[in-house]
Amino acid sequence: MSTKIYCDESRITQYKYRVLGGIWIKADQGWNFVNDFHHICREAVGVLPAHMKWGNVPTKPTSKYMPFYTELIDLYFSYNQRGHMFFCAIVVDPAYDIDHKIINHGDPEEGFYKLYFQLIFRKLDWKEKYHIRLAYRDVAKKINPVQEFARLTDLKNALNHWVIRESGYTLPTGPVASIQSRPAKERRLIQLADILMGAVGYHWHEMQMKPEASEGKTFLANYIASKLGRKSLAFTTYPSDRLFNIFYFRPRGK
């Protein structure tokens, strides 16, 4: 069986928690999901949405564009109930030093890719094949920049090494067949990951309680929580959860 994984991460650093999220979807269902969503949009709104992301959620629940977001959420849960896809997020403890001088060699990008490892590795099966697509990161180059291809290759090798070691078998190749970056504006499933991840971060930071809270974001985060039978997305799950998996990542020794 082949699975595609679409991931994104929060770039806002002034908040307490970093959040990363990913969509796991059966490879033969990816375009079905996108086509179904676009069909729903044409029927419900009459047009297709542009770049959807948490930062673009309408400010008012009554906005004519809010149905784009609620329909996307509804479709996610429909596909999930049929066993086609699931969402996973990690909420990172503030103690994680993303540019630790020893562990991450003072390189925040290395720290980010290690968080991607934490997001992905627990959800890999040595009997399957995975194609991973990460949201492209437009970051400033350093004095001695490490090329994105090298970082992606290192992540792929680390994931495969872990799965092969844990499987107890001698495998000719690891389960991760490819890792590539893609612009989020061109991948609807990366956009879905961003929206779900954004909603998780919104509730973990209790943004809905602040005087300046966005009515639209509060509505959408609560809407997602209601689909789970919860009042908030500030929770964690067992690793085996395949509905809406949230893992709290705390560095060792913290």
C-alpha atoms as a PDB file:
ATOM      1  CA  MET A   1       0.000   0.000   0.000  1.00  0.00           C
ATOM      2  CA  SER A   2       1.221   3.500  -0.818  1.00  0.00           C
ATOM      3  CA  THR A   3       0.544   6.537   1.352  1.00  0.00           C
ATOM      4  CA  LYS A   4       1.217  10.227   0.834  1.00  0.00           C
ATOM      5  CA  ILE A   5       1.994  12.529   3.732  1.00  0.00           C
ATOM      6  CA  TYR A   6       1.507  16.301   3.446  1.00  0.00           C
ATOM      7  CA  CYS A   7       3.081  18.393   6.217  1.00  0.00           C
ATOM      8  CA  ASP A   8       3.353  21.989   7.328  1.00  0.00           C
ATOM      9  CA  GLU A   9       4.669  23.816  10.372  1.00  0.00           C
ATOM     10  CA  SER A  10       3.871  26.995  12.239  1.00  0.00           C
ATOM     11  CA  ARG A  11       6.232  29.846  11.464  1.00  0.00           C
ATOM     12  CA  ILE A  12       5.005  32.192  14.187  1.00  0.00           C
ATOM     13  CA  THR A  13       7.558  32.150  16.985  1.00  0.00           C
ATOM     14  CA  GLN A  14       6.165  34.639  19.515  1.00  0.00           C
ATOM     15  CA  TYR A  15       3.738  32.077  20.907  1.00  0.00           C
ATOM     16  CA  LYS A  16       4.484  29.495  23.571  1.00  0.00           C
ATOM     17  CA  TYR A  17       4.148  26.370  21.431  1.00  0.00           C
ATOM     18  CA  ARG A  18       5.373  25.389  18.014  1.00  0.00           C
ATOM     19  CA  VAL A  19       2.975  23.131  16.154  1.00  0.00           C
ATOM     20  CA  LEU A  20       3.592  20.850  13.175  1.00  0.00           C
ATOM     21  CA  GLY A  21       0.885  18.911  11.393  1.00  0.00           C
ATOM     22  CA  GLY A  22       0.496  16.359   8.648  1.00  0.00           C
ATOM     23  CA  ILE A  23      -2.157  14.615   6.582  1.00  0.00           C
ATOM     24  CA  TRP A  24      -1.712  10.884   5.923  1.00  0.00           C
ATOM     25  CA  ILE A  25      -3.793   9.861   2.900  1.00  0.00           C
ATOM     26  CA  LYS A  26      -3.879   6.745   0.737  1.00  0.00           C
ATOM     27  CA  ALA A  27      -2.051   7.589  -2.468  1.00  0.00           C
ATOM     28  CA  ASP A  28      -4.984   6.627  -4.671  1.00  0.00           C
ATOM     29  CA  GLN A  29      -7.327   8.948  -2.746  1.00  0.00           C
ATOM     30  CA  GLY A  30      -5.410  12.227  -2.954  1.00  0.00           C
ATOM     31  CA  TRP A  31      -6.843  13.522  -6.211  1.00  0.00           C
ATOM     32  CA  ASN A  32     -10.256  12.115  -5.323  1.00  0.00           C
ATOM     33  CA  PHE A  33     -10.234  14.283  -2.208  1.00  0.00           C
ATOM     34  CA  VAL A  34      -9.168  17.410  -4.089  1.00  0.00           C
ATOM     35  CA  ASN A  35     -11.657  16.848  -6.911  1.00  0.00           C
ATOM     36  CA  ASP A  36     -14.480  16.183  -4.448  1.00  0.00           C
ATOM     37  CA  PHE A  37     -13.637  19.371  -2.575  1.00  0.00           C
ATOM     38  CA  HIS A  38     -13.555  21.469  -5.728  1.00  0.00           C
ATOM     39  CA  HIS A  39     -16.887  20.017  -6.833  1.00  0.00           C
ATOM     40  CA  ILE A  40     -18.416  20.926  -3.460  1.00  0.00           C
ATOM     41  CA  CYS A  41     -17.023  24.467  -3.728  1.00  0.00           C
ATOM     42  CA  ARG A  42     -18.533  24.978  -7.163  1.00  0.00           C
ATOM     43  CA  GLU A  43     -21.886  23.708  -5.933  1.00  0.00           C
ATOM     44  CA  ALA A  44     -21.924  25.607  -2.624  1.00  0.00           C
ATOM     45  CA  VAL A  45     -20.147  28.866  -3.460  1.00  0.00           C
ATOM     46  CA  GLY A  46     -19.844  28.937  -7.236  1.00  0.00           C
ATOM     47  CA  VAL A  47     -16.071  29.406  -7.383  1.00  0.00           C
ATOM     48  CA  LEU A  48     -12.880  27.706  -6.222  1.00  0.00           C
ATOM     49  CA  PRO A  49     -10.950  29.136  -3.275  1.00  0.00           C
ATOM     50  CA  ALA A  50      -7.445  30.494  -3.720  1.00  0.00           C
ATOM     51  CA  HIS A  51      -4.717  29.697  -1.192  1.00  0.00           C
ATOM     52  CA  MET A  52      -6.475  28.374   1.911  1.00  0.00           C
ATOM     53  CA  LYS A  53      -4.605  28.522   5.197  1.00  0.00           C
ATOM     54  CA  TRP A  54      -5.192  29.304   8.843  1.00  0.00           C
ATOM     55  CA  GLY A  55      -3.953  32.843   8.341  1.00  0.00           C
ATOM     56  CA  ASN A  56      -6.612  33.396   5.663  1.00  0.00           C
ATOM     57  CA  VAL A  57      -9.603  32.174   7.676  1.00  0.00           C
ATOM     58  CA  PRO A  58     -12.362  34.800   7.311  1.00  0.00           C
ATOM     59  CA  THR A  59     -12.664  37.146  10.264  1.00  0.00           C
ATOM     60  CA  LYS A  60     -16.425  36.580  10.544  1.00  0.00           C
ATOM     61  CA  PRO A  61     -18.306  33.254  10.674  1.00  0.00           C
ATOM     62  CA  THR A  62     -20.926  34.789   8.377  1.00  0.00           C
ATOM     63  CA  SER A  63     -18.418  35.500   5.599  1.00  0.00           C
ATOM     64  CA  LYS A  64     -19.408  34.105   2.219  1.00  0.00           C
ATOM     65  CA  TYR A  65     -15.990  32.411   2.159  1.00  0.00           C
ATOM     66  CA  MET A  66     -16.373  30.499   5.446  1.00  0.00           C
ATOM     67  CA  PRO A  67     -18.161  27.596   3.676  1.00  0.00           C
ATOM     68  CA  PHE A  68     -14.866  26.851   1.895  1.00  0.00           C
ATOM     69  CA  TYR A  69     -13.356  26.032   5.280  1.00  0.00           C
ATOM     70  CA  THR A  70     -16.278  24.185   6.847  1.00  0.00           C
ATOM     71  CA  GLU A  71     -16.789  22.089   3.711  1.00  0.00           C
ATOM     72  CA  LEU A  72     -13.083  21.198   3.698  1.00  0.00           C
ATOM     73  CA  ILE A  73     -13.336  20.093   7.334  1.00  0.00           C
ATOM     74  CA  ASP A  74     -16.495  18.095   6.651  1.00  0.00           C
ATOM     75  CA  LEU A  75     -14.823  16.339   3.732  1.00  0.00           C
ATOM     76  CA  TYR A  76     -11.797  15.476   5.869  1.00  0.00           C
ATOM     77  CA  PHE A  77     -13.992  13.733   8.439  1.00  0.00           C
ATOM     78  CA  SER A  78     -15.938  11.969   5.691  1.00  0.00           C
ATOM     79  CA  TYR A  79     -12.740  10.566   4.179  1.00  0.00           C
ATOM     80  CA  ASN A  80     -11.425   9.720   7.636  1.00  0.00           C
ATOM     81  CA  GLN A  81     -14.530   7.704   8.485  1.00  0.00           C
ATOM     82  CA  ARG A  82     -13.924   5.642   5.350  1.00  0.00           C
ATOM     83  CA  GLY A  83     -10.347   4.951   6.425  1.00  0.00           C
ATOM     84  CA  HIS A  84      -8.762   7.004   3.651  1.00  0.00           C
ATOM     85  CA  MET A  85      -6.875   9.624   5.662  1.00  0.00           C
ATOM     86  CA  PHE A  86      -6.004  10.952   9.106  1.00  0.00           C
ATOM     87  CA  PHE A  87      -4.380  13.995  10.681  1.00  0.00           C
ATOM     88  CA  CYS A  88      -1.510  14.111  13.145  1.00  0.00           C
ATOM     89  CA  ALA A  89       0.024  17.081  14.946  1.00  0.00           C
ATOM     90  CA  ILE A  90       2.791  17.576  17.457  1.00  0.00           C
ATOM     91  CA  VAL A  91       2.734  20.398  19.952  1.00  0.00           C
ATOM     92  CA  VAL A  92       6.306  21.231  20.926  1.00  0.00           C
ATOM     93  CA  ASP A  93       7.247  21.977  24.517  1.00  0.00           C
ATOM     94  CA  PRO A  94       8.739  25.488  24.914  1.00  0.00           C
ATOM     95  CA  ALA A  95      11.878  23.877  26.373  1.00  0.00           C
ATOM     96  CA  TYR A  96      12.838  22.595  22.914  1.00  0.00           C
ATOM     97  CA  ASP A  97      15.861  24.640  21.815  1.00  0.00           C
ATOM     98  CA  ILE A  98      15.505  24.776  18.057  1.00  0.00           C
ATOM     99  CA  ASP A  99      19.000  26.188  17.497  1.00  0.00           C
ATOM    100  CA  HIS A 100      20.762  24.305  20.308  1.00  0.00           C
ATOM    101  CA  LYS A 101      24.487  24.833  19.820  1.00  0.00           C
ATOM    102  CA  ILE A 102      25.344  21.151  20.338  1.00  0.00           C
ATOM    103  CA  ILE A 103      22.281  19.086  19.449  1.00  0.00           C
ATOM    104  CA  ASN A 104      21.277  21.192  16.436  1.00  0.00           C
ATOM    105  CA  HIS A 105      24.695  22.755  15.785  1.00  0.00           C
ATOM    106  CA  GLY A 106      23.231  26.224  16.289  1.00  0.00           C
ATOM    107  CA  ASP A 107      21.121  25.751  13.153  1.00  0.00           C
ATOM    108  CA  PRO A 108      17.361  26.360  13.580  1.00  0.00           C
ATOM    109  CA  GLU A 109      16.636  24.658  10.257  1.00  0.00           C
ATOM    110  CA  GLU A 110      18.248  21.468  11.534  1.00  0.00           C
ATOM    111  CA  GLY A 111      16.031  21.819  14.583  1.00  0.00           C
ATOM    112  CA  PHE A 112      12.952  22.159  12.383  1.00  0.00           C
ATOM    113  CA  TYR A 113      13.742  19.034  10.381  1.00  0.00           C
ATOM    114  CA  LYS A 114      14.242  17.073  13.589  1.00  0.00           C
ATOM    115  CA  LEU A 115      10.738  18.130  14.587  1.00  0.00           C
ATOM    116  CA  TYR A 116       9.462  16.814  11.261  1.00  0.00           C
ATOM    117  CA  PHE A 117      11.119  13.511  12.171  1.00  0.00           C
ATOM    118  CA  GLN A 118       9.231  13.515  15.473  1.00  0.00           C
ATOM    119  CA  LEU A 119       5.967  14.202  13.655  1.00  0.00           C
ATOM    120  CA  ILE A 120       6.369  11.447  11.085  1.00  0.00           C
ATOM    121  CA  PHE A 121       8.355   8.497  12.429  1.00  0.00           C
ATOM    122  CA  ARG A 122       5.755   7.061  14.813  1.00  0.00           C
ATOM    123  CA  LYS A 123       3.238   6.722  11.991  1.00  0.00           C
ATOM    124  CA  LEU A 124       5.358   4.687   9.567  1.00  0.00           C
ATOM    125  CA  ASP A 125       4.840   1.006   8.786  1.00  0.00           C
ATOM    126  CA  TRP A 126       7.698  -0.980   7.258  1.00  0.00           C
ATOM    127  CA  LYS A 127       5.228  -2.863   5.044  1.00  0.00           C
ATOM    128  CA  GLU A 128       4.066   0.305   3.274  1.00  0.00           C
ATOM    129  CA  LYS A 129       5.575   2.899   0.950  1.00  0.00           C
ATOM    130  CA  TYR A 130       5.427   6.607   1.681  1.00  0.00           C
ATOM    131  CA  HIS A 131       5.825   9.735  -0.405  1.00  0.00           C
ATOM    132  CA  ILE A 132       6.226  12.788   1.814  1.00  0.00           C
ATOM    133  CA  ARG A 133       5.557  16.367   0.725  1.00  0.00           C
ATOM    134  CA  LEU A 134       6.640  19.175   3.045  1.00  0.00           C
ATOM    135  CA  ALA A 135       5.554  22.769   2.667  1.00  0.00           C
ATOM    136  CA  TYR A 136       8.371  24.693   1.031  1.00  0.00           C
ATOM    137  CA  ARG A 137      10.280  26.838   3.521  1.00  0.00           C
ATOM    138  CA  ASP A 138      11.555  30.147   2.165  1.00  0.00           C
ATOM    139  CA  VAL A 139      14.299  30.830   4.691  1.00  0.00           C
ATOM    140  CA  ALA A 140      17.251  33.175   4.627  1.00  0.00           C
ATOM    141  CA  LYS A 141      20.519  31.590   3.543  1.00  0.00           C
ATOM    142  CA  LYS A 142      23.276  31.249   6.077  1.00  0.00           C
ATOM    143  CA  ILE A 143      26.990  31.821   5.699  1.00  0.00           C
ATOM    144  CA  ASN A 144      27.443  28.113   4.942  1.00  0.00           C
ATOM    145  CA  PRO A 145      23.954  27.178   3.746  1.00  0.00           C
ATOM    146  CA  VAL A 146      22.887  23.565   3.734  1.00  0.00           C
ATOM    147  CA  GLN A 147      20.902  22.949   0.577  1.00  0.00           C
ATOM    148  CA  GLU A 148      17.281  21.922   0.985  1.00  0.00           C
ATOM    149  CA  PHE A 149      17.887  18.725  -0.999  1.00  0.00           C
ATOM    150  CA  ALA A 150      20.517  17.640   1.522  1.00  0.00           C
ATOM    151  CA  ARG A 151      18.177  18.288   4.452  1.00  0.00           C
ATOM    152  CA  LEU A 152      15.367  16.334   2.804  1.00  0.00           C
ATOM    153  CA  THR A 153      17.740  13.476   2.026  1.00  0.00           C
ATOM    154  CA  ASP A 154      18.955  13.390   5.628  1.00  0.00           C
ATOM    155  CA  LEU A 155      15.361  13.290   6.863  1.00  0.00           C
ATOM    156  CA  LYS A 156      14.475  10.471   4.473  1.00  0.00           C
ATOM    157  CA  ASN A 157      17.528   8.455   5.530  1.00  0.00           C
ATOM    158  CA  ALA A 158      16.827   9.009   9.234  1.00  0.00           C
ATOM    159  CA  LEU A 159      13.211   7.868   8.885  1.00  0.00           C
ATOM    160  CA  ASN A 160      14.150   4.785   6.877  1.00  0.00           C
ATOM    161  CA  HIS A 161      16.950   3.879   9.275  1.00  0.00           C
ATOM    162  CA  TRP A 162      14.583   4.064  12.237  1.00  0.00           C
ATOM    163  CA  VAL A 163      11.874   1.934  10.592  1.00  0.00           C
ATOM    164  CA  ILE A 164      14.343  -0.724   9.400  1.00  0.00           C
ATOM    165  CA  ARG A 165      15.913  -0.940  12.853  1.00  0.00           C
ATOM    166  CA  GLU A 166      12.551  -1.183  14.602  1.00  0.00           C
ATOM    167  CA  SER A 167      11.172  -3.770  12.166  1.00  0.00           C
ATOM    168  CA  GLY A 168      13.795  -6.348  13.149  1.00  0.00           C
ATOM    169  CA  TYR A 169      14.078  -7.415   9.522  1.00  0.00           C
ATOM    170  CA  THR A 170      16.791  -6.993   6.928  1.00  0.00           C
ATOM    171  CA  LEU A 171      15.019  -4.805   4.404  1.00  0.00           C
ATOM    172  CA  PRO A 172      16.479  -3.915   0.988  1.00  0.00           C
ATOM    173  CA  THR A 173      14.971  -0.427   1.168  1.00  0.00           C
ATOM    174  CA  GLY A 174      13.128   1.651   3.695  1.00  0.00           C
ATOM    175  CA  PRO A 175       9.447   2.543   3.443  1.00  0.00           C
ATOM    176  CA  VAL A 176       9.999   6.232   2.653  1.00  0.00           C
ATOM    177  CA  ALA A 177      10.371   6.305  -1.119  1.00  0.00           C
ATOM    178  CA  SER A 178      10.585  10.081  -1.527  1.00  0.00           C
ATOM    179  CA  ILE A 179      10.564  13.380   0.340  1.00  0.00           C
ATOM    180  CA  GLN A 180      10.122  16.616  -1.573  1.00  0.00           C
ATOM    181  CA  SER A 181       9.040  20.158  -0.797  1.00  0.00           C
ATOM    182  CA  ARG A 182       6.080  21.805  -2.492  1.00  0.00           C
ATOM    183  CA  PRO A 183       4.660  25.352  -2.375  1.00  0.00           C
ATOM    184  CA  ALA A 184       1.653  25.220  -0.075  1.00  0.00           C
ATOM    185  CA  LYS A 185      -0.413  27.329  -2.465  1.00  0.00           C
ATOM    186  CA  GLU A 186      -0.186  24.499  -5.020  1.00  0.00           C
ATOM    187  CA  ARG A 187      -1.159  21.623  -2.716  1.00  0.00           C
ATOM    188  CA  ARG A 188      -4.647  21.573  -1.250  1.00  0.00           C
ATOM    189  CA  LEU A 189      -3.688  18.820   1.208  1.00  0.00           C
ATOM    190  CA  ILE A 190      -0.824  20.906   2.623  1.00  0.00           C
ATOM    191  CA  GLN A 191      -3.395  23.672   3.033  1.00  0.00           C
ATOM    192  CA  LEU A 192      -5.648  21.283   4.945  1.00  0.00           C
ATOM    193  CA  ALA A 193      -2.742  20.355   7.228  1.00  0.00           C
ATOM    194  CA  ASP A 194      -2.074  24.062   7.833  1.00  0.00           C
ATOM    195  CA  ILE A 195      -5.699  24.756   8.748  1.00  0.00           C
ATOM    196  CA  LEU A 196      -6.030  21.827  11.152  1.00  0.00           C
ATOM    197  CA  MET A 197      -2.640  22.586  12.682  1.00  0.00           C
ATOM    198  CA  GLY A 198      -3.566  26.253  13.034  1.00  0.00           C
ATOM    199  CA  ALA A 199      -6.770  25.356  14.844  1.00  0.00           C
ATOM    200  CA  VAL A 200      -4.835  23.124  17.240  1.00  0.00           C
ATOM    201  CA  GLY A 201      -2.393  25.920  18.010  1.00  0.00           C
ATOM    202  CA  TYR A 202      -5.263  28.387  18.423  1.00  0.00           C
ATOM    203  CA  HIS A 203      -6.824  26.367  21.218  1.00  0.00           C
ATOM    204  CA  TRP A 204      -3.538  25.352  22.865  1.00  0.00           C
ATOM    205  CA  HIS A 205      -2.695  29.053  23.147  1.00  0.00           C
ATOM    206  CA  GLU A 206      -6.253  29.837  24.298  1.00  0.00           C
ATOM    207  CA  MET A 207      -6.493  32.518  21.645  1.00  0.00           C
ATOM    208  CA  GLN A 208     -10.290  32.297  21.770  1.00  0.00           C
ATOM    209  CA  MET A 209     -10.147  33.763  25.280  1.00  0.00           C
ATOM    210  CA  LYS A 210      -8.301  36.922  24.261  1.00  0.00           C
ATOM    211  CA  PRO A 211     -10.138  40.231  23.691  1.00  0.00           C
ATOM    212  CA  GLU A 212      -8.727  40.472  20.170  1.00  0.00           C
ATOM    213  CA  ALA A 213      -9.766  36.936  19.239  1.00  0.00           C
ATOM    214  CA  SER A 214     -10.884  36.461  15.651  1.00  0.00           C
ATOM    215  CA  GLU A 215     -14.549  35.489  15.504  1.00  0.00           C
ATOM    216  CA  GLY A 216     -13.909  33.489  12.359  1.00  0.00           C
ATOM    217  CA  LYS A 217     -10.965  31.518  13.744  1.00  0.00           C
ATOM    218  CA  THR A 218     -12.764  30.903  17.030  1.00  0.00           C
ATOM    219  CA  PHE A 219     -15.769  29.609  15.106  1.00  0.00           C
ATOM    220  CA  LEU A 220     -13.686  27.323  12.886  1.00  0.00           C
ATOM    221  CA  ALA A 221     -11.542  25.906  15.714  1.00  0.00           C
ATOM    222  CA  ASN A 222     -14.698  25.218  17.717  1.00  0.00           C
ATOM    223  CA  TYR A 223     -16.324  23.699  14.640  1.00  0.00           C
ATOM    224  CA  ILE A 224     -13.453  21.230  14.268  1.00  0.00           C
ATOM    225  CA  ALA A 225     -13.572  20.401  17.988  1.00  0.00           C
ATOM    226  CA  SER A 226     -17.324  19.784  17.753  1.00  0.00           C
ATOM    227  CA  LYS A 227     -16.746  17.244  14.978  1.00  0.00           C
ATOM    228  CA  LEU A 228     -14.618  15.360  17.517  1.00  0.00           C
ATOM    229  CA  GLY A 229     -17.209  15.647  20.259  1.00  0.00           C
ATOM    230  CA  ARG A 230     -14.975  18.033  22.201  1.00  0.00           C
ATOM    231  CA  LYS A 231     -15.089  21.634  23.335  1.00  0.00           C
ATOM    232  CA  SER A 232     -11.419  22.294  22.604  1.00  0.00           C
ATOM    233  CA  LEU A 233      -8.514  20.977  20.553  1.00  0.00           C
ATOM    234  CA  ALA A 234      -6.138  21.361  23.506  1.00  0.00           C
ATOM    235  CA  PHE A 235      -5.786  17.638  24.154  1.00  0.00           C
ATOM    236  CA  THR A 236      -3.469  14.726  23.411  1.00  0.00           C
ATOM    237  CA  THR A 237      -4.227  11.232  22.121  1.00  0.00           C
ATOM    238  CA  TYR A 238      -2.793   7.748  22.135  1.00  0.00           C
ATOM    239  CA  PRO A 239      -0.205   7.160  19.366  1.00  0.00           C
ATOM    240  CA  SER A 240      -2.612   4.725  17.713  1.00  0.00           C
ATOM    241  CA  ASP A 241      -5.327   7.353  17.228  1.00  0.00           C
ATOM    242  CA  ARG A 242      -6.306   7.615  13.559  1.00  0.00           C
ATOM    243  CA  LEU A 243      -8.958  10.301  13.800  1.00  0.00           C
ATOM    244  CA  PHE A 244      -7.234  13.441  15.026  1.00  0.00           C
ATOM    245  CA  ASN A 245      -3.891  12.562  16.570  1.00  0.00           C
ATOM    246  CA  ILE A 246      -2.128  15.103  18.798  1.00  0.00           C
ATOM    247  CA  PHE A 247       1.204  14.373  20.470  1.00  0.00           C
ATOM    248  CA  TYR A 248       2.950  16.615  22.988  1.00  0.00           C
ATOM    249  CA  PHE A 249       6.682  16.579  22.324  1.00  0.00           C
ATOM    250  CA  ARG A 250       8.891  17.216  25.325  1.00  0.00           C
ATOM    251  CA  PRO A 251      12.694  17.038  24.897  1.00  0.00           C
ATOM    252  CA  ARG A 252      14.497  14.434  26.950  1.00  0.00           C
ATOM    253  CA  GLY A 253      15.590  15.605  30.346  1.00  0.00           C
ATOM    254  CA  LYS A 254      13.021  18.404  30.449  1.00  0.00           C
END
